[in-house]
Amino acid sequence: MNAAAKISTGEVLYFVHADTRPLPSFSEDINSSISNGHLAGCYRYQFDSENYLLKINSWFTRFNGLFSGGGDQTLFVKKTFFEDLNGFDEEYTIMEDFDLVRRIREKTKFLIIPKSIKVSARKYENNSWLRVQLTNLVVFIYFLSNKQASKIKILYCSLLNHRKK
């Protein structure tokens, strides 16, 4: 992501996880947010599933707190601000977005655009809602405890089934 940001010629970067679908209005939404003084933010999200537990997860993405700005989603940031933050910490291959958003919040307000992108529920379908939630909790605790990035990745990969059933 840092390599792509470096060669980007735009003023705003938009990082999109492979399992998400941006809204057709993303360009207008992000440009409007930037015009209103926001340097970085994300969208709410909803899963491509009718599972009621995932609907509850999605509902919580409207709140701008400790757990927002990372995981299965998209992230926009003004390029000069991204560069001032030295981009993503390349030690992280899991939690890299939470690390960046933590650093963003130290400098400015983080925005959650009040529209929802679609996120694949595949991870939940290949595991279970409870297993994914517990894995996310443990990995987040490791992250907040400043555990080594490589240990976080090993733990995450060992706790979830990433192959399609």
N, C-alpha and C. Protein backbone atom coordinates (compact mmCIF):
# COMPACT_ATOMS: atom_id res chain seq x y z
N MET A 1 0.83 -1.19 0.00
CA MET A 1 0.00 0.00 0.00
C MET A 1 0.87 1.25 0.00
N ASN A 2 1.97 1.20 0.74
CA ASN A 2 2.89 2.34 0.72
C ASN A 2 3.48 2.56 -0.67
N ALA A 3 3.81 1.47 -1.35
CA ALA A 3 4.39 1.59 -2.70
C ALA A 3 3.39 2.25 -3.65
N ALA A 4 2.14 1.84 -3.56
CA ALA A 4 1.11 2.43 -4.41
C ALA A 4 0.89 3.90 -4.06
N ALA A 5 0.90 4.21 -2.77
CA ALA A 5 0.73 5.60 -2.34
C ALA A 5 1.87 6.48 -2.85
N LYS A 6 3.05 5.92 -2.86
CA LYS A 6 4.23 6.68 -3.29
C LYS A 6 4.14 7.10 -4.76
N ILE A 7 3.63 6.23 -5.61
CA ILE A 7 3.56 6.55 -7.04
C ILE A 7 2.23 7.21 -7.43
N SER A 8 1.31 7.28 -6.48
CA SER A 8 0.02 7.92 -6.76
C SER A 8 0.23 9.40 -7.08
N THR A 9 -0.54 9.89 -8.04
CA THR A 9 -0.45 11.30 -8.41
C THR A 9 -1.61 12.12 -7.86
N GLY A 10 -2.55 11.45 -7.21
CA GLY A 10 -3.70 12.16 -6.67
C GLY A 10 -3.40 12.82 -5.33
N GLU A 11 -4.31 13.70 -4.92
CA GLU A 11 -4.17 14.38 -3.64
C GLU A 11 -4.77 13.59 -2.48
N VAL A 12 -5.61 12.61 -2.81
CA VAL A 12 -6.28 11.80 -1.79
C VAL A 12 -6.05 10.34 -2.12
N LEU A 13 -5.73 9.57 -1.09
CA LEU A 13 -5.55 8.12 -1.25
C LEU A 13 -6.80 7.42 -0.74
N TYR A 14 -7.19 6.35 -1.42
CA TYR A 14 -8.34 5.55 -1.00
C TYR A 14 -7.93 4.10 -1.01
N PHE A 15 -7.77 3.53 0.17
CA PHE A 15 -7.35 2.14 0.32
C PHE A 15 -8.60 1.28 0.47
N VAL A 16 -8.69 0.26 -0.38
CA VAL A 16 -9.88 -0.59 -0.43
C VAL A 16 -9.46 -2.03 -0.20
N HIS A 17 -9.99 -2.65 0.85
CA HIS A 17 -9.71 -4.06 1.10
C HIS A 17 -10.34 -4.90 -0.01
N ALA A 18 -9.72 -6.01 -0.32
CA ALA A 18 -10.16 -6.86 -1.42
C ALA A 18 -11.56 -7.42 -1.21
N ASP A 19 -12.00 -7.51 0.03
CA ASP A 19 -13.31 -8.10 0.32
C ASP A 19 -14.40 -7.05 0.52
N THR A 20 -14.17 -5.83 0.01
CA THR A 20 -15.16 -4.77 0.12
C THR A 20 -15.53 -4.24 -1.26
N ARG A 21 -16.71 -3.66 -1.32
CA ARG A 21 -17.18 -3.03 -2.55
C ARG A 21 -17.49 -1.56 -2.27
N PRO A 22 -16.69 -0.67 -2.83
CA PRO A 22 -16.95 0.77 -2.61
C PRO A 22 -18.28 1.19 -3.22
N LEU A 23 -18.80 2.26 -2.70
CA LEU A 23 -20.03 2.83 -3.23
C LEU A 23 -19.75 3.56 -4.54
N PRO A 24 -20.71 3.61 -5.44
CA PRO A 24 -20.51 4.39 -6.68
C PRO A 24 -20.21 5.87 -6.39
N SER A 25 -20.67 6.36 -5.25
CA SER A 25 -20.50 7.78 -4.90
C SER A 25 -19.21 8.04 -4.11
N PHE A 26 -18.31 7.05 -4.03
CA PHE A 26 -17.14 7.22 -3.16
C PHE A 26 -16.34 8.47 -3.48
N SER A 27 -16.14 8.78 -4.74
CA SER A 27 -15.33 9.93 -5.11
C SER A 27 -15.96 11.23 -4.60
N GLU A 28 -17.26 11.39 -4.82
CA GLU A 28 -17.96 12.59 -4.36
C GLU A 28 -17.97 12.65 -2.83
N ASP A 29 -18.23 11.52 -2.18
CA ASP A 29 -18.28 11.47 -0.71
C ASP A 29 -16.94 11.88 -0.10
N ILE A 30 -15.88 11.31 -0.62
CA ILE A 30 -14.55 11.59 -0.07
C ILE A 30 -14.13 13.02 -0.38
N ASN A 31 -14.34 13.48 -1.61
CA ASN A 31 -14.00 14.87 -1.94
C ASN A 31 -14.77 15.86 -1.08
N SER A 32 -16.03 15.57 -0.81
CA SER A 32 -16.83 16.43 0.06
C SER A 32 -16.27 16.43 1.49
N SER A 33 -15.87 15.27 1.96
CA SER A 33 -15.29 15.17 3.31
C SER A 33 -14.00 15.96 3.41
N ILE A 34 -13.15 15.84 2.40
CA ILE A 34 -11.89 16.58 2.36
C ILE A 34 -12.18 18.09 2.29
N SER A 35 -13.15 18.48 1.47
CA SER A 35 -13.52 19.90 1.35
C SER A 35 -14.02 20.47 2.67
N ASN A 36 -14.61 19.61 3.49
CA ASN A 36 -15.11 20.03 4.80
C ASN A 36 -14.04 19.96 5.89
N GLY A 37 -12.79 19.75 5.49
CA GLY A 37 -11.69 19.83 6.44
C GLY A 37 -11.23 18.53 7.04
N HIS A 38 -11.81 17.40 6.63
CA HIS A 38 -11.40 16.11 7.17
C HIS A 38 -10.20 15.58 6.38
N LEU A 39 -9.20 15.14 7.09
CA LEU A 39 -7.99 14.63 6.45
C LEU A 39 -8.02 13.13 6.22
N ALA A 40 -8.90 12.43 6.97
CA ALA A 40 -8.95 10.96 6.87
C ALA A 40 -10.27 10.45 7.41
N GLY A 41 -10.64 9.27 6.92
CA GLY A 41 -11.86 8.65 7.41
C GLY A 41 -12.18 7.36 6.70
N CYS A 42 -13.36 6.87 6.98
CA CYS A 42 -13.83 5.61 6.39
C CYS A 42 -15.34 5.66 6.29
N TYR A 43 -15.90 4.60 5.77
CA TYR A 43 -17.35 4.44 5.72
C TYR A 43 -17.80 3.49 6.83
N ARG A 44 -19.07 3.54 7.12
CA ARG A 44 -19.69 2.44 7.86
C ARG A 44 -19.65 1.24 6.93
N TYR A 45 -20.03 0.07 7.43
CA TYR A 45 -20.16 -1.04 6.50
C TYR A 45 -21.26 -1.99 6.92
N GLN A 46 -21.67 -2.79 5.96
CA GLN A 46 -22.63 -3.86 6.19
C GLN A 46 -22.15 -5.07 5.41
N PHE A 47 -22.46 -6.22 5.95
CA PHE A 47 -22.04 -7.47 5.32
C PHE A 47 -23.02 -7.89 4.25
N ASP A 48 -22.53 -8.67 3.31
CA ASP A 48 -23.38 -9.22 2.25
C ASP A 48 -24.03 -10.51 2.75
N SER A 49 -24.70 -10.40 3.88
CA SER A 49 -25.31 -11.55 4.54
C SER A 49 -26.54 -11.09 5.30
N GLU A 50 -27.48 -11.99 5.44
CA GLU A 50 -28.68 -11.71 6.23
C GLU A 50 -28.54 -12.18 7.67
N ASN A 51 -27.37 -12.68 8.04
CA ASN A 51 -27.13 -13.15 9.40
C ASN A 51 -27.34 -12.00 10.39
N TYR A 52 -28.19 -12.22 11.39
CA TYR A 52 -28.54 -11.14 12.30
C TYR A 52 -27.36 -10.70 13.16
N LEU A 53 -26.44 -11.61 13.46
CA LEU A 53 -25.26 -11.22 14.23
C LEU A 53 -24.36 -10.28 13.42
N LEU A 54 -24.27 -10.52 12.12
CA LEU A 54 -23.49 -9.63 11.28
C LEU A 54 -24.19 -8.29 11.09
N LYS A 55 -25.50 -8.29 11.13
CA LYS A 55 -26.23 -7.03 11.09
C LYS A 55 -25.95 -6.20 12.34
N ILE A 56 -25.80 -6.87 13.47
CA ILE A 56 -25.44 -6.17 14.71
C ILE A 56 -24.02 -5.61 14.59
N ASN A 57 -23.09 -6.44 14.11
CA ASN A 57 -21.72 -5.95 13.87
C ASN A 57 -21.74 -4.69 13.01
N SER A 58 -22.49 -4.76 11.91
CA SER A 58 -22.57 -3.63 10.98
C SER A 58 -23.10 -2.38 11.66
N TRP A 59 -24.11 -2.54 12.50
CA TRP A 59 -24.72 -1.40 13.18
C TRP A 59 -23.67 -0.64 14.00
N PHE A 60 -22.76 -1.36 14.61
CA PHE A 60 -21.75 -0.72 15.46
C PHE A 60 -20.71 0.06 14.67
N THR A 61 -20.64 -0.11 13.36
CA THR A 61 -19.63 0.60 12.58
C THR A 61 -19.97 2.08 12.40
N ARG A 62 -21.10 2.51 12.90
CA ARG A 62 -21.46 3.92 12.83
C ARG A 62 -20.79 4.74 13.94
N PHE A 63 -20.22 4.05 14.92
CA PHE A 63 -19.63 4.74 16.06
C PHE A 63 -18.13 4.92 15.86
N ASN A 64 -17.66 6.10 16.16
CA ASN A 64 -16.27 6.46 15.96
C ASN A 64 -15.51 6.23 17.26
N GLY A 65 -15.06 5.01 17.44
CA GLY A 65 -14.37 4.68 18.68
C GLY A 65 -13.14 3.85 18.42
N LEU A 66 -12.72 3.17 19.45
CA LEU A 66 -11.49 2.39 19.45
C LEU A 66 -11.45 1.35 18.33
N PHE A 67 -12.60 0.74 18.03
CA PHE A 67 -12.63 -0.35 17.05
C PHE A 67 -12.92 0.11 15.63
N SER A 68 -13.16 1.39 15.43
CA SER A 68 -13.47 1.87 14.07
C SER A 68 -12.20 2.19 13.30
N GLY A 69 -12.32 2.14 12.00
CA GLY A 69 -11.21 2.52 11.14
C GLY A 69 -10.27 1.40 10.76
N GLY A 70 -10.63 0.20 11.07
CA GLY A 70 -9.78 -0.92 10.70
C GLY A 70 -10.60 -2.13 10.35
N GLY A 71 -9.93 -3.15 9.93
CA GLY A 71 -10.63 -4.38 9.59
C GLY A 71 -11.16 -4.35 8.18
N ASP A 72 -12.28 -4.99 7.98
CA ASP A 72 -12.86 -5.17 6.64
C ASP A 72 -13.55 -3.91 6.16
N GLN A 73 -12.79 -3.03 5.53
CA GLN A 73 -13.39 -1.77 5.12
C GLN A 73 -12.52 -1.03 4.13
N THR A 74 -12.79 0.27 3.98
CA THR A 74 -11.97 1.14 3.15
C THR A 74 -11.50 2.30 4.01
N LEU A 75 -10.47 2.99 3.54
CA LEU A 75 -9.91 4.10 4.30
C LEU A 75 -9.44 5.18 3.34
N PHE A 76 -9.88 6.42 3.57
CA PHE A 76 -9.36 7.52 2.75
C PHE A 76 -8.49 8.42 3.61
N VAL A 77 -7.48 9.01 2.98
CA VAL A 77 -6.58 9.91 3.70
C VAL A 77 -5.95 10.86 2.68
N LYS A 78 -5.85 12.11 3.06
CA LYS A 78 -5.18 13.08 2.21
C LYS A 78 -3.71 12.67 2.09
N LYS A 79 -3.19 12.68 0.87
CA LYS A 79 -1.85 12.14 0.60
C LYS A 79 -0.77 12.85 1.41
N THR A 80 -0.80 14.16 1.49
CA THR A 80 0.24 14.87 2.25
C THR A 80 0.20 14.49 3.73
N PHE A 81 -0.98 14.27 4.26
CA PHE A 81 -1.13 13.85 5.65
C PHE A 81 -0.59 12.43 5.83
N PHE A 82 -0.92 11.55 4.90
CA PHE A 82 -0.41 10.18 4.91
C PHE A 82 1.12 10.18 4.92
N GLU A 83 1.71 11.03 4.09
CA GLU A 83 3.17 11.14 4.04
C GLU A 83 3.73 11.68 5.35
N ASP A 84 3.04 12.66 5.95
CA ASP A 84 3.48 13.20 7.25
C ASP A 84 3.47 12.13 8.33
N LEU A 85 2.56 11.17 8.19
CA LEU A 85 2.45 10.06 9.15
C LEU A 85 3.41 8.92 8.82
N ASN A 86 4.18 9.07 7.75
CA ASN A 86 5.09 8.02 7.26
C ASN A 86 4.36 6.77 6.81
N GLY A 87 3.12 6.93 6.36
CA GLY A 87 2.36 5.83 5.78
C GLY A 87 2.08 4.70 6.74
N PHE A 88 1.84 3.54 6.15
CA PHE A 88 1.59 2.34 6.93
C PHE A 88 2.90 1.84 7.51
N ASP A 89 2.84 1.33 8.72
CA ASP A 89 4.00 0.68 9.32
C ASP A 89 4.12 -0.69 8.67
N GLU A 90 5.17 -0.91 7.90
CA GLU A 90 5.30 -2.13 7.12
C GLU A 90 5.64 -3.36 7.96
N GLU A 91 5.83 -3.18 9.25
CA GLU A 91 5.98 -4.34 10.13
C GLU A 91 4.65 -5.10 10.24
N TYR A 92 3.55 -4.36 10.10
CA TYR A 92 2.21 -4.96 10.24
C TYR A 92 1.70 -5.48 8.91
N THR A 93 1.21 -6.72 8.92
CA THR A 93 0.45 -7.24 7.80
C THR A 93 -0.98 -7.53 8.25
N ILE A 94 -1.17 -7.53 9.54
CA ILE A 94 -2.49 -7.58 10.19
C ILE A 94 -2.48 -6.39 11.16
N MET A 95 -3.54 -5.64 11.23
CA MET A 95 -3.68 -4.49 12.12
C MET A 95 -2.98 -3.23 11.61
N GLU A 96 -2.48 -3.26 10.37
CA GLU A 96 -1.80 -2.09 9.83
C GLU A 96 -2.74 -0.88 9.73
N ASP A 97 -4.01 -1.14 9.46
CA ASP A 97 -4.97 -0.04 9.36
C ASP A 97 -5.29 0.54 10.73
N PHE A 98 -5.41 -0.33 11.74
CA PHE A 98 -5.65 0.17 13.11
C PHE A 98 -4.47 1.01 13.58
N ASP A 99 -3.26 0.59 13.23
CA ASP A 99 -2.08 1.35 13.60
C ASP A 99 -2.11 2.73 12.94
N LEU A 100 -2.42 2.78 11.65
CA LEU A 100 -2.47 4.06 10.95
C LEU A 100 -3.57 4.94 11.53
N VAL A 101 -4.74 4.39 11.76
CA VAL A 101 -5.85 5.18 12.29
C VAL A 101 -5.52 5.69 13.70
N ARG A 102 -4.83 4.91 14.49
CA ARG A 102 -4.41 5.36 15.82
C ARG A 102 -3.52 6.61 15.68
N ARG A 103 -2.60 6.57 14.71
CA ARG A 103 -1.72 7.72 14.50
C ARG A 103 -2.48 8.91 13.91
N ILE A 104 -3.46 8.63 13.06
CA ILE A 104 -4.31 9.71 12.52
C ILE A 104 -5.01 10.41 13.67
N ARG A 105 -5.59 9.65 14.58
CA ARG A 105 -6.36 10.22 15.69
C ARG A 105 -5.49 11.04 16.65
N GLU A 106 -4.21 10.75 16.68
CA GLU A 106 -3.32 11.56 17.51
C GLU A 106 -3.15 12.97 16.95
N LYS A 107 -3.43 13.14 15.64
CA LYS A 107 -3.20 14.42 14.96
C LYS A 107 -4.47 15.17 14.58
N THR A 108 -5.56 14.43 14.33
CA THR A 108 -6.78 15.07 13.84
C THR A 108 -7.99 14.19 14.10
N LYS A 109 -9.15 14.73 13.83
CA LYS A 109 -10.40 13.97 13.96
C LYS A 109 -10.52 12.97 12.81
N PHE A 110 -10.96 11.77 13.13
CA PHE A 110 -11.19 10.73 12.13
C PHE A 110 -12.68 10.72 11.81
N LEU A 111 -13.03 10.71 10.53
CA LEU A 111 -14.42 10.79 10.10
C LEU A 111 -14.97 9.43 9.69
N ILE A 112 -16.20 9.15 10.09
CA ILE A 112 -16.92 8.01 9.54
C ILE A 112 -18.05 8.57 8.68
N ILE A 113 -17.94 8.34 7.38
CA ILE A 113 -18.97 8.81 6.44
C ILE A 113 -20.25 8.00 6.70
N PRO A 114 -21.39 8.67 6.87
CA PRO A 114 -22.62 7.97 7.23
C PRO A 114 -23.32 7.27 6.06
N LYS A 115 -22.55 6.48 5.34
CA LYS A 115 -23.06 5.60 4.29
C LYS A 115 -22.34 4.27 4.47
N SER A 116 -22.92 3.19 3.96
CA SER A 116 -22.33 1.87 4.17
C SER A 116 -21.82 1.24 2.89
N ILE A 117 -20.60 0.73 2.97
CA ILE A 117 -20.04 -0.10 1.90
C ILE A 117 -20.43 -1.54 2.20
N LYS A 118 -20.30 -2.42 1.22
CA LYS A 118 -20.59 -3.85 1.39
C LYS A 118 -19.29 -4.59 1.65
N VAL A 119 -19.34 -5.50 2.61
CA VAL A 119 -18.19 -6.31 2.98
C VAL A 119 -18.57 -7.78 2.88
N SER A 120 -17.68 -8.58 2.34
CA SER A 120 -17.92 -10.01 2.24
C SER A 120 -18.01 -10.65 3.63
N ALA A 121 -18.96 -11.55 3.78
CA ALA A 121 -19.12 -12.30 5.03
C ALA A 121 -18.37 -13.62 4.99
N ARG A 122 -17.55 -13.83 3.97
CA ARG A 122 -16.87 -15.11 3.77
C ARG A 122 -16.09 -15.58 5.01
N LYS A 123 -15.38 -14.67 5.65
CA LYS A 123 -14.59 -15.05 6.82
C LYS A 123 -15.49 -15.65 7.91
N TYR A 124 -16.68 -15.08 8.06
CA TYR A 124 -17.63 -15.59 9.06
C TYR A 124 -18.25 -16.90 8.60
N GLU A 125 -18.48 -17.04 7.31
CA GLU A 125 -19.05 -18.28 6.77
C GLU A 125 -18.05 -19.43 6.85
N ASN A 126 -16.76 -19.13 6.70
CA ASN A 126 -15.72 -20.17 6.77
C ASN A 126 -15.35 -20.54 8.20
N ASN A 127 -15.74 -19.75 9.12
CA ASN A 127 -15.47 -20.00 10.53
C ASN A 127 -16.82 -19.97 11.24
N SER A 128 -16.95 -19.22 12.26
CA SER A 128 -18.24 -18.94 12.88
C SER A 128 -18.18 -17.51 13.39
N TRP A 129 -19.33 -16.94 13.64
CA TRP A 129 -19.36 -15.58 14.16
C TRP A 129 -18.54 -15.49 15.44
N LEU A 130 -18.76 -16.45 16.34
CA LEU A 130 -18.06 -16.43 17.63
C LEU A 130 -16.55 -16.58 17.45
N ARG A 131 -16.15 -17.49 16.61
CA ARG A 131 -14.71 -17.70 16.40
C ARG A 131 -14.03 -16.44 15.84
N VAL A 132 -14.66 -15.78 14.89
CA VAL A 132 -14.09 -14.56 14.33
C VAL A 132 -14.04 -13.46 15.38
N GLN A 133 -15.13 -13.32 16.15
CA GLN A 133 -15.17 -12.28 17.18
C GLN A 133 -14.09 -12.51 18.24
N LEU A 134 -13.94 -13.74 18.69
CA LEU A 134 -12.92 -14.04 19.70
C LEU A 134 -11.52 -13.83 19.14
N THR A 135 -11.31 -14.24 17.90
CA THR A 135 -10.01 -14.02 17.25
C THR A 135 -9.72 -12.53 17.16
N ASN A 136 -10.69 -11.75 16.71
CA ASN A 136 -10.49 -10.31 16.60
C ASN A 136 -10.18 -9.69 17.96
N LEU A 137 -10.86 -10.15 18.99
CA LEU A 137 -10.62 -9.63 20.33
C LEU A 137 -9.20 -9.93 20.81
N VAL A 138 -8.79 -11.17 20.65
CA VAL A 138 -7.44 -11.57 21.09
C VAL A 138 -6.38 -10.81 20.30
N VAL A 139 -6.55 -10.72 19.00
CA VAL A 139 -5.58 -10.02 18.16
C VAL A 139 -5.54 -8.53 18.52
N PHE A 140 -6.70 -7.95 18.80
CA PHE A 140 -6.74 -6.54 19.17
C PHE A 140 -6.04 -6.31 20.51
N ILE A 141 -6.22 -7.23 21.44
CA ILE A 141 -5.52 -7.12 22.73
C ILE A 141 -4.01 -7.21 22.52
N TYR A 142 -3.58 -8.10 21.66
CA TYR A 142 -2.15 -8.19 21.31
C TYR A 142 -1.66 -6.86 20.74
N PHE A 143 -2.44 -6.30 19.84
CA PHE A 143 -2.08 -5.04 19.20
C PHE A 143 -1.96 -3.92 20.25
N LEU A 144 -2.98 -3.79 21.10
CA LEU A 144 -2.96 -2.75 22.12
C LEU A 144 -1.85 -2.96 23.14
N SER A 145 -1.42 -4.20 23.29
CA SER A 145 -0.33 -4.53 24.22
C SER A 145 1.04 -4.38 23.57
N ASN A 146 1.04 -3.86 22.34
CA ASN A 146 2.29 -3.64 21.59
C ASN A 146 3.09 -4.91 21.38
N LYS A 147 2.39 -6.02 21.14
CA LYS A 147 3.08 -7.26 20.79
C LYS A 147 3.70 -7.11 19.41
N GLN A 148 4.70 -7.89 19.15
CA GLN A 148 5.39 -7.87 17.86
C GLN A 148 4.40 -8.14 16.73
N ALA A 149 4.50 -7.35 15.66
CA ALA A 149 3.58 -7.48 14.52
C ALA A 149 3.60 -8.89 13.95
N SER A 150 4.77 -9.51 13.87
CA SER A 150 4.85 -10.87 13.32
C SER A 150 4.11 -11.87 14.21
N LYS A 151 4.12 -11.66 15.51
CA LYS A 151 3.38 -12.56 16.42
C LYS A 151 1.88 -12.38 16.26
N ILE A 152 1.45 -11.16 16.01
CA ILE A 152 0.03 -10.89 15.79
C ILE A 152 -0.45 -11.63 14.54
N LYS A 153 0.35 -11.56 13.48
CA LYS A 153 -0.03 -12.24 12.24
C LYS A 153 -0.09 -13.75 12.43
N ILE A 154 0.90 -14.32 13.07
CA ILE A 154 0.93 -15.77 13.31
C ILE A 154 -0.30 -16.19 14.12
N LEU A 155 -0.61 -15.45 15.16
CA LEU A 155 -1.77 -15.76 15.99
C LEU A 155 -3.05 -15.69 15.16
N TYR A 156 -3.24 -14.62 14.42
CA TYR A 156 -4.44 -14.44 13.62
C TYR A 156 -4.61 -15.59 12.62
N CYS A 157 -3.55 -15.89 11.92
CA CYS A 157 -3.62 -16.95 10.89
C CYS A 157 -3.85 -18.32 11.51
N SER A 158 -3.38 -18.52 12.71
CA SER A 158 -3.56 -19.83 13.35
C SER A 158 -4.98 -20.02 13.90
N LEU A 159 -5.67 -18.94 14.18
CA LEU A 159 -6.98 -19.04 14.81
C LEU A 159 -8.15 -19.11 13.83
N LEU A 160 -7.93 -18.69 12.59
CA LEU A 160 -9.02 -18.68 11.61
C LEU A 160 -8.72 -19.56 10.42
N ASN A 161 -9.78 -20.12 9.88
CA ASN A 161 -9.70 -20.88 8.63
C ASN A 161 -9.86 -19.86 7.50
N HIS A 162 -8.82 -19.74 6.68
CA HIS A 162 -8.85 -18.78 5.58
C HIS A 162 -9.14 -19.42 4.24
N ARG A 163 -9.37 -20.71 4.23
CA ARG A 163 -9.70 -21.41 2.98
C ARG A 163 -11.20 -21.50 2.82
N LYS A 164 -11.62 -21.46 1.59
CA LYS A 164 -13.04 -21.56 1.28
C LYS A 164 -13.50 -23.00 1.53
N LYS A 165 -14.65 -23.11 2.19
CA LYS A 165 -15.22 -24.45 2.45
C LYS A 165 -15.84 -25.02 1.21
